[in-house]
Amino acid sequence: MRPLELATFAAVAAAGALFVLLERRFPYNPGQPALRRGFWIDFVLYCFVQSYVLGLVIGRLIQALDARTGLSRLHLVGSWPILAQLAFFLVVHDLYIYLFHRLQHGWPVLWRVHEAHHSVPQVDWLSGVRSHALEILVNQTVEFAPIVLLGAAPQVAVLKGAVSAIWGMFIHSNVDVRLGRLQYLVNGPEMHRWHHADDPAAYGRNFATKLAVWDWMFGTAYFPDRGRRKAYRYGLSYVEYPERFPLDYLVQQAYAFRRSLGSGGGEPEAEAGPGSGTGAA
């Protein structure tokens, strides 16, 4: 492992440990267990196994794209300062994620591969890693292919991956953090936990990941009482998911291809709350 990769891995691991401590000390929703049901599936199978396997697949896809196009040899952004390159890809990809995320909640076909992410009934620092393999395949290919094809410095992909991992833990964390006016610019748990909430007023809101400005700009922001009112219940709808969402990793992957809602199998996730199949957060 190269020094930068080792440093970013250590930073991500340290951030995870910090969020664990902050969730115990300053919980947004008091009483959530540290080792919730499904924790080890998310930690081992989603965080490590799936990430490793898909990383290899995505790397090969990007190599194939570059071999066919040769774009990386033009070094279109390679002369920019590293921080400028990083900022450019962070902002552009974040806008893509916002727009694609809205489509996922509005188009039933895309919702099928996004619903796993919303199946966790107790949102915490780790729950953000639970995403269907197809969703990761699409989003991370779109995330990293432009970095390679536009000839960015190799460090940019490593740094962007670390920022995305840490920010993903942050916005899902069960930490009662208040960003004040910064919440109108950057996204945090105050708004993103509402995106996962069982509250009809919050359905189809707060799609942003890093930059909350997209939600404010496009009219999808939901920030009741400027953060003084909290979300308390999360997950998928008992009505639309009467058998509850399956807990097993492989069944969760297969569940996206079922014929109709509620036809899945496997061990059910406990305490799933209302969300919505096609429009809920």
Foldseek 3Di string as FASTA:
>chain_A
DDPLLVVLVVVLVVLVVVLLVQCVVAFLAPPDDSCAPLNVCLVDVQVPVLVVVLVVVLVVVLVVVCVVVVQLVVLQPAVPPLVVLLVVLVVVLQVVQLVVLLQCQAPLLSLLQAQQLQADWQFALRSNSRGASVVCNVSVSVSCSCCRNNNYDPSSVSVNVSVQSSLSSFLRHRHLDAPPPCCLFFGGVLFVVLQFAQDVVLWQADSGRTTSPVRVVVVRGDRPPVSPDGGHTGRADCVQQVVAQASDPVQSNCSSVDPGHNPGDHHHDPRGHHADSRTGD
